[in-house]
N, C-alpha and C. Protein backbone atom coordinates (compact mmCIF):
# COMPACT_ATOMS: atom_id res chain seq x y z
N MET A 1 187.61 -21.26 135.28
CA MET A 1 187.44 -20.56 134.02
C MET A 1 187.78 -19.08 134.10
N PRO A 2 187.92 -18.45 135.25
CA PRO A 2 188.10 -17.01 135.27
C PRO A 2 189.23 -16.47 134.39
N GLY A 3 190.46 -17.02 134.44
CA GLY A 3 191.55 -16.53 133.61
C GLY A 3 191.26 -16.74 132.14
N LYS A 4 190.77 -17.92 131.82
CA LYS A 4 190.43 -18.23 130.44
C LYS A 4 189.25 -17.39 129.99
N ALA A 5 188.27 -17.20 130.86
CA ALA A 5 187.09 -16.41 130.51
C ALA A 5 187.48 -14.97 130.19
N ALA A 6 188.39 -14.40 130.96
CA ALA A 6 188.84 -13.03 130.70
C ALA A 6 189.49 -12.93 129.33
N ARG A 7 190.30 -13.90 129.00
CA ARG A 7 190.97 -13.89 127.70
C ARG A 7 189.94 -14.04 126.57
N LEU A 8 188.99 -14.94 126.74
CA LEU A 8 187.98 -15.14 125.69
C LEU A 8 187.03 -13.95 125.60
N LYS A 9 186.75 -13.31 126.74
CA LYS A 9 185.92 -12.11 126.69
C LYS A 9 186.63 -10.99 125.93
N ALA A 10 187.96 -10.90 126.07
CA ALA A 10 188.71 -9.91 125.31
C ALA A 10 188.65 -10.23 123.81
N LEU A 11 188.74 -11.50 123.47
CA LEU A 11 188.63 -11.92 122.08
C LEU A 11 187.22 -11.61 121.55
N GLU A 12 186.22 -11.84 122.39
CA GLU A 12 184.85 -11.52 122.00
C GLU A 12 184.71 -10.03 121.74
N ALA A 13 185.26 -9.20 122.62
CA ALA A 13 185.16 -7.75 122.47
C ALA A 13 185.82 -7.27 121.18
N ARG A 14 186.92 -7.91 120.80
CA ARG A 14 187.60 -7.53 119.56
C ARG A 14 186.81 -7.93 118.33
N ASN A 15 185.85 -8.81 118.51
CA ASN A 15 185.05 -9.31 117.39
C ASN A 15 183.56 -9.14 117.69
N ALA A 16 183.21 -7.96 118.19
CA ALA A 16 181.86 -7.71 118.69
C ALA A 16 180.78 -7.95 117.64
N ASP A 17 181.05 -7.68 116.40
CA ASP A 17 180.02 -7.82 115.35
C ASP A 17 180.17 -9.11 114.56
N ALA A 18 181.12 -9.95 114.92
CA ALA A 18 181.37 -11.19 114.17
C ALA A 18 180.40 -12.29 114.59
N PRO A 19 180.06 -13.18 113.66
CA PRO A 19 179.17 -14.31 114.00
C PRO A 19 179.94 -15.42 114.71
N VAL A 20 180.21 -15.18 115.99
CA VAL A 20 181.01 -16.10 116.79
C VAL A 20 180.23 -16.48 118.05
N ALA A 21 180.28 -17.75 118.40
CA ALA A 21 179.70 -18.22 119.66
C ALA A 21 180.82 -18.75 120.53
N PHE A 22 180.64 -18.63 121.83
CA PHE A 22 181.60 -19.13 122.80
C PHE A 22 180.91 -20.21 123.62
N VAL A 23 181.51 -21.39 123.65
CA VAL A 23 180.92 -22.53 124.33
C VAL A 23 181.92 -23.06 125.34
N ALA A 24 181.47 -23.25 126.58
CA ALA A 24 182.30 -23.84 127.62
C ALA A 24 181.56 -25.07 128.14
N VAL A 25 182.31 -26.14 128.32
CA VAL A 25 181.73 -27.39 128.80
C VAL A 25 182.27 -27.65 130.20
N SER A 26 181.38 -27.83 131.15
CA SER A 26 181.78 -28.14 132.51
C SER A 26 182.29 -29.57 132.59
N LEU A 27 183.39 -29.75 133.30
CA LEU A 27 183.92 -31.09 133.54
C LEU A 27 183.43 -31.64 134.88
N ASP A 28 182.52 -30.93 135.51
CA ASP A 28 181.99 -31.31 136.82
C ASP A 28 180.46 -31.30 136.77
N PRO A 29 179.87 -32.21 135.97
CA PRO A 29 178.42 -32.16 135.78
C PRO A 29 177.62 -32.44 137.04
N GLU A 30 178.22 -33.11 138.02
CA GLU A 30 177.50 -33.38 139.25
C GLU A 30 177.20 -32.09 140.03
N ARG A 31 178.11 -31.13 139.98
CA ARG A 31 177.93 -29.88 140.72
C ARG A 31 177.54 -28.71 139.83
N ASP A 32 177.97 -28.73 138.58
CA ASP A 32 177.67 -27.63 137.66
C ASP A 32 176.35 -27.90 136.95
N THR A 33 175.28 -27.69 137.68
CA THR A 33 173.94 -27.85 137.14
C THR A 33 173.64 -26.69 136.19
N PRO A 34 172.60 -26.79 135.39
CA PRO A 34 172.24 -25.65 134.55
C PRO A 34 172.04 -24.36 135.36
N ALA A 35 171.44 -24.46 136.54
CA ALA A 35 171.25 -23.28 137.39
C ALA A 35 172.59 -22.72 137.86
N ALA A 36 173.51 -23.59 138.24
CA ALA A 36 174.84 -23.14 138.69
C ALA A 36 175.60 -22.49 137.54
N LEU A 37 175.48 -23.04 136.35
CA LEU A 37 176.16 -22.46 135.19
C LEU A 37 175.54 -21.11 134.81
N ALA A 38 174.22 -20.98 134.94
CA ALA A 38 173.57 -19.70 134.67
C ALA A 38 174.06 -18.65 135.67
N ALA A 39 174.21 -19.04 136.93
CA ALA A 39 174.72 -18.11 137.94
C ALA A 39 176.16 -17.72 137.64
N ALA A 40 176.97 -18.68 137.18
CA ALA A 40 178.36 -18.39 136.82
C ALA A 40 178.42 -17.44 135.64
N ALA A 41 177.59 -17.65 134.64
CA ALA A 41 177.56 -16.75 133.48
C ALA A 41 177.20 -15.34 133.90
N ASP A 42 176.25 -15.22 134.81
CA ASP A 42 175.87 -13.91 135.32
C ASP A 42 177.02 -13.29 136.11
N HIS A 43 177.66 -14.09 136.96
CA HIS A 43 178.78 -13.61 137.78
C HIS A 43 179.93 -13.10 136.91
N TRP A 44 180.23 -13.82 135.84
CA TRP A 44 181.33 -13.45 134.96
C TRP A 44 180.93 -12.43 133.89
N GLY A 45 179.66 -12.07 133.85
CA GLY A 45 179.20 -11.08 132.87
C GLY A 45 179.20 -11.61 131.45
N LEU A 46 178.87 -12.88 131.29
CA LEU A 46 178.84 -13.47 129.95
C LEU A 46 177.50 -13.19 129.30
N GLY A 47 177.54 -12.80 128.05
CA GLY A 47 176.32 -12.43 127.35
C GLY A 47 175.72 -13.56 126.54
N GLU A 48 174.84 -13.18 125.61
CA GLU A 48 174.08 -14.14 124.81
C GLU A 48 174.94 -15.02 123.91
N ARG A 49 176.12 -14.58 123.59
CA ARG A 49 176.98 -15.37 122.69
C ARG A 49 177.65 -16.53 123.41
N TRP A 50 177.50 -16.57 124.73
CA TRP A 50 178.14 -17.61 125.54
C TRP A 50 177.15 -18.71 125.88
N HIS A 51 177.62 -19.94 125.82
CA HIS A 51 176.81 -21.11 126.14
C HIS A 51 177.63 -21.98 127.08
N LEU A 52 177.19 -22.07 128.34
CA LEU A 52 177.87 -22.90 129.32
C LEU A 52 177.10 -24.22 129.40
N LEU A 53 177.77 -25.30 129.05
CA LEU A 53 177.10 -26.58 128.90
C LEU A 53 177.52 -27.58 129.97
N THR A 54 176.61 -28.47 130.25
CA THR A 54 176.86 -29.62 131.10
C THR A 54 176.13 -30.80 130.46
N GLY A 55 176.28 -31.94 131.05
CA GLY A 55 175.59 -33.11 130.51
C GLY A 55 175.71 -34.28 131.46
N GLU A 56 175.26 -35.40 130.99
CA GLU A 56 175.40 -36.62 131.78
C GLU A 56 176.88 -36.89 132.00
N PRO A 57 177.27 -37.35 133.19
CA PRO A 57 178.70 -37.59 133.46
C PRO A 57 179.39 -38.44 132.39
N ARG A 58 178.74 -39.48 131.93
CA ARG A 58 179.36 -40.33 130.90
C ARG A 58 179.63 -39.55 129.61
N ALA A 59 178.68 -38.74 129.19
CA ALA A 59 178.86 -37.94 127.98
C ALA A 59 179.99 -36.94 128.13
N VAL A 60 180.09 -36.32 129.31
CA VAL A 60 181.17 -35.38 129.56
C VAL A 60 182.52 -36.10 129.51
N ARG A 61 182.61 -37.26 130.13
CA ARG A 61 183.88 -38.02 130.11
C ARG A 61 184.25 -38.44 128.69
N GLU A 62 183.26 -38.79 127.87
CA GLU A 62 183.54 -39.15 126.48
C GLU A 62 184.09 -37.95 125.71
N LEU A 63 183.53 -36.78 125.95
CA LEU A 63 184.02 -35.57 125.31
C LEU A 63 185.45 -35.26 125.76
N VAL A 64 185.69 -35.38 127.06
CA VAL A 64 187.03 -35.15 127.61
C VAL A 64 188.03 -36.11 126.98
N HIS A 65 187.64 -37.35 126.87
CA HIS A 65 188.52 -38.36 126.26
C HIS A 65 188.76 -38.06 124.79
N ALA A 66 187.72 -37.71 124.06
CA ALA A 66 187.84 -37.44 122.62
C ALA A 66 188.79 -36.27 122.35
N HIS A 67 188.80 -35.29 123.23
CA HIS A 67 189.66 -34.11 123.04
C HIS A 67 190.95 -34.20 123.84
N ARG A 68 191.17 -35.35 124.47
CA ARG A 68 192.40 -35.61 125.22
C ARG A 68 192.69 -34.54 126.27
N VAL A 69 191.66 -34.14 126.99
CA VAL A 69 191.80 -33.14 128.05
C VAL A 69 192.29 -33.85 129.31
N GLN A 70 193.37 -33.35 129.87
CA GLN A 70 193.90 -33.89 131.11
C GLN A 70 193.07 -33.36 132.27
N TRP A 71 192.62 -34.26 133.15
CA TRP A 71 191.82 -33.85 134.29
C TRP A 71 192.01 -34.83 135.43
N ALA A 72 191.62 -34.40 136.62
CA ALA A 72 191.69 -35.27 137.79
C ALA A 72 190.66 -34.81 138.81
N ALA A 73 190.00 -35.78 139.43
CA ALA A 73 189.09 -35.48 140.54
C ALA A 73 189.93 -35.22 141.78
N LEU A 74 189.62 -34.16 142.49
CA LEU A 74 190.35 -33.79 143.69
C LEU A 74 189.49 -34.06 144.93
N PRO A 75 190.12 -34.18 146.08
CA PRO A 75 189.35 -34.33 147.32
C PRO A 75 188.39 -33.15 147.47
N GLY A 76 187.23 -33.41 147.99
CA GLY A 76 186.25 -32.35 148.19
C GLY A 76 185.38 -32.12 146.98
N GLY A 77 185.56 -32.92 145.93
CA GLY A 77 184.69 -32.82 144.77
C GLY A 77 185.14 -31.88 143.67
N GLU A 78 186.22 -31.15 143.88
CA GLU A 78 186.72 -30.27 142.82
C GLU A 78 187.29 -31.10 141.67
N VAL A 79 187.37 -30.49 140.49
CA VAL A 79 187.95 -31.13 139.32
C VAL A 79 189.07 -30.22 138.81
N ALA A 80 190.28 -30.75 138.77
CA ALA A 80 191.41 -30.03 138.18
C ALA A 80 191.49 -30.43 136.72
N HIS A 81 191.77 -29.48 135.86
CA HIS A 81 191.86 -29.79 134.43
C HIS A 81 192.72 -28.76 133.72
N GLU A 82 193.26 -29.18 132.60
CA GLU A 82 194.01 -28.24 131.78
C GLU A 82 193.03 -27.34 131.04
N ASN A 83 193.51 -26.18 130.67
CA ASN A 83 192.71 -25.26 129.87
C ASN A 83 192.86 -25.63 128.41
N VAL A 84 191.75 -25.90 127.76
CA VAL A 84 191.76 -26.24 126.34
C VAL A 84 190.75 -25.35 125.64
N VAL A 85 191.18 -24.68 124.60
CA VAL A 85 190.31 -23.85 123.78
C VAL A 85 190.41 -24.38 122.36
N THR A 86 189.25 -24.59 121.76
CA THR A 86 189.23 -25.05 120.37
C THR A 86 188.44 -24.05 119.53
N PHE A 87 188.86 -23.90 118.30
CA PHE A 87 188.11 -23.11 117.32
C PHE A 87 187.51 -24.09 116.34
N ILE A 88 186.24 -23.95 116.08
CA ILE A 88 185.52 -24.80 115.15
C ILE A 88 184.99 -23.90 114.04
N ASP A 89 185.23 -24.30 112.80
CA ASP A 89 184.83 -23.44 111.68
C ASP A 89 183.34 -23.61 111.36
N ARG A 90 182.91 -22.89 110.34
CA ARG A 90 181.49 -22.88 109.96
C ARG A 90 180.98 -24.24 109.52
N ARG A 91 181.89 -25.09 109.08
CA ARG A 91 181.49 -26.43 108.64
C ARG A 91 181.51 -27.44 109.78
N GLY A 92 181.86 -26.98 110.98
CA GLY A 92 181.90 -27.87 112.13
C GLY A 92 183.21 -28.61 112.30
N ARG A 93 184.25 -28.17 111.59
CA ARG A 93 185.57 -28.80 111.68
C ARG A 93 186.40 -28.12 112.76
N LEU A 94 187.06 -28.93 113.57
CA LEU A 94 187.98 -28.40 114.57
C LEU A 94 189.23 -27.95 113.82
N VAL A 95 189.57 -26.66 113.93
CA VAL A 95 190.69 -26.14 113.15
C VAL A 95 191.87 -25.67 113.98
N PHE A 96 191.65 -25.30 115.24
CA PHE A 96 192.74 -24.92 116.12
C PHE A 96 192.45 -25.47 117.51
N THR A 97 193.48 -25.92 118.18
CA THR A 97 193.37 -26.33 119.58
C THR A 97 194.51 -25.67 120.34
N TYR A 98 194.16 -25.02 121.43
CA TYR A 98 195.13 -24.38 122.30
C TYR A 98 195.09 -25.09 123.64
N ARG A 99 196.22 -25.55 124.10
CA ARG A 99 196.31 -26.21 125.40
C ARG A 99 197.08 -25.28 126.33
N GLY A 100 196.47 -24.96 127.46
CA GLY A 100 197.09 -24.03 128.39
C GLY A 100 196.80 -22.59 128.01
N LEU A 101 197.44 -21.69 128.70
CA LEU A 101 197.23 -20.26 128.46
C LEU A 101 198.45 -19.60 127.85
N ALA A 102 199.34 -20.38 127.26
CA ALA A 102 200.58 -19.83 126.72
C ALA A 102 200.37 -19.10 125.39
N TYR A 103 199.26 -19.31 124.74
CA TYR A 103 199.02 -18.65 123.46
C TYR A 103 198.55 -17.23 123.69
N SER A 104 199.09 -16.31 122.90
CA SER A 104 198.75 -14.90 123.08
C SER A 104 197.37 -14.60 122.52
N GLU A 105 196.76 -13.56 123.08
CA GLU A 105 195.48 -13.10 122.56
C GLU A 105 195.62 -12.68 121.11
N GLU A 106 196.78 -12.11 120.77
CA GLU A 106 197.00 -11.66 119.40
C GLU A 106 196.97 -12.84 118.43
N ARG A 107 197.60 -13.94 118.80
CA ARG A 107 197.61 -15.12 117.94
C ARG A 107 196.20 -15.68 117.78
N GLN A 108 195.50 -15.81 118.90
CA GLN A 108 194.14 -16.32 118.82
C GLN A 108 193.26 -15.37 118.01
N GLY A 109 193.44 -14.09 118.19
CA GLY A 109 192.66 -13.10 117.43
C GLY A 109 192.94 -13.20 115.94
N ALA A 110 194.21 -13.37 115.57
CA ALA A 110 194.56 -13.49 114.16
C ALA A 110 193.97 -14.75 113.55
N GLU A 111 194.01 -15.84 114.29
CA GLU A 111 193.47 -17.09 113.75
C GLU A 111 191.95 -17.04 113.67
N LEU A 112 191.31 -16.37 114.63
CA LEU A 112 189.87 -16.20 114.55
C LEU A 112 189.51 -15.31 113.36
N ALA A 113 190.25 -14.25 113.14
CA ALA A 113 190.00 -13.37 111.98
C ALA A 113 190.14 -14.14 110.68
N ARG A 114 191.13 -15.02 110.62
CA ARG A 114 191.30 -15.83 109.41
C ARG A 114 190.09 -16.74 109.20
N LEU A 115 189.60 -17.34 110.27
CA LEU A 115 188.41 -18.19 110.16
C LEU A 115 187.19 -17.38 109.71
N LEU A 116 187.03 -16.21 110.27
CA LEU A 116 185.89 -15.38 109.91
C LEU A 116 185.94 -14.91 108.47
N ALA A 117 187.14 -14.80 107.92
CA ALA A 117 187.30 -14.36 106.53
C ALA A 117 187.00 -15.48 105.52
N GLU A 118 187.02 -16.73 105.97
CA GLU A 118 186.74 -17.85 105.08
C GLU A 118 185.30 -17.82 104.64
N ARG A 119 185.07 -18.24 103.43
CA ARG A 119 183.71 -18.35 102.88
C ARG A 119 183.28 -19.81 102.94
N GLY A 120 181.99 -20.00 103.13
CA GLY A 120 181.46 -21.37 103.05
C GLY A 120 181.42 -22.15 104.27
């Protein structure tokens, strides 16, 4: 998450007063316990607007499947996965999905600003 976290932290900083939450879901629930995720949030300097989530392995795999996230278990217990960022609007609708890191911060910032400007 470090490269993605830096990009999302920059987006957060640009929208410091906006009602936005940042949620990351671990794809390695066996190793990313709540305590490990809390330590990672502290290490990366993530504040109150960030929520690092884990869950039962089956639930995590269902989420991965539902969002078509490419992943693979690696030797030694690591999990390789593509970077996927989604924007969900106030009504709970998925409105943007970014796969990889090819999208510019400016584009993501503009789309987030558009979402924040929506009413309802």
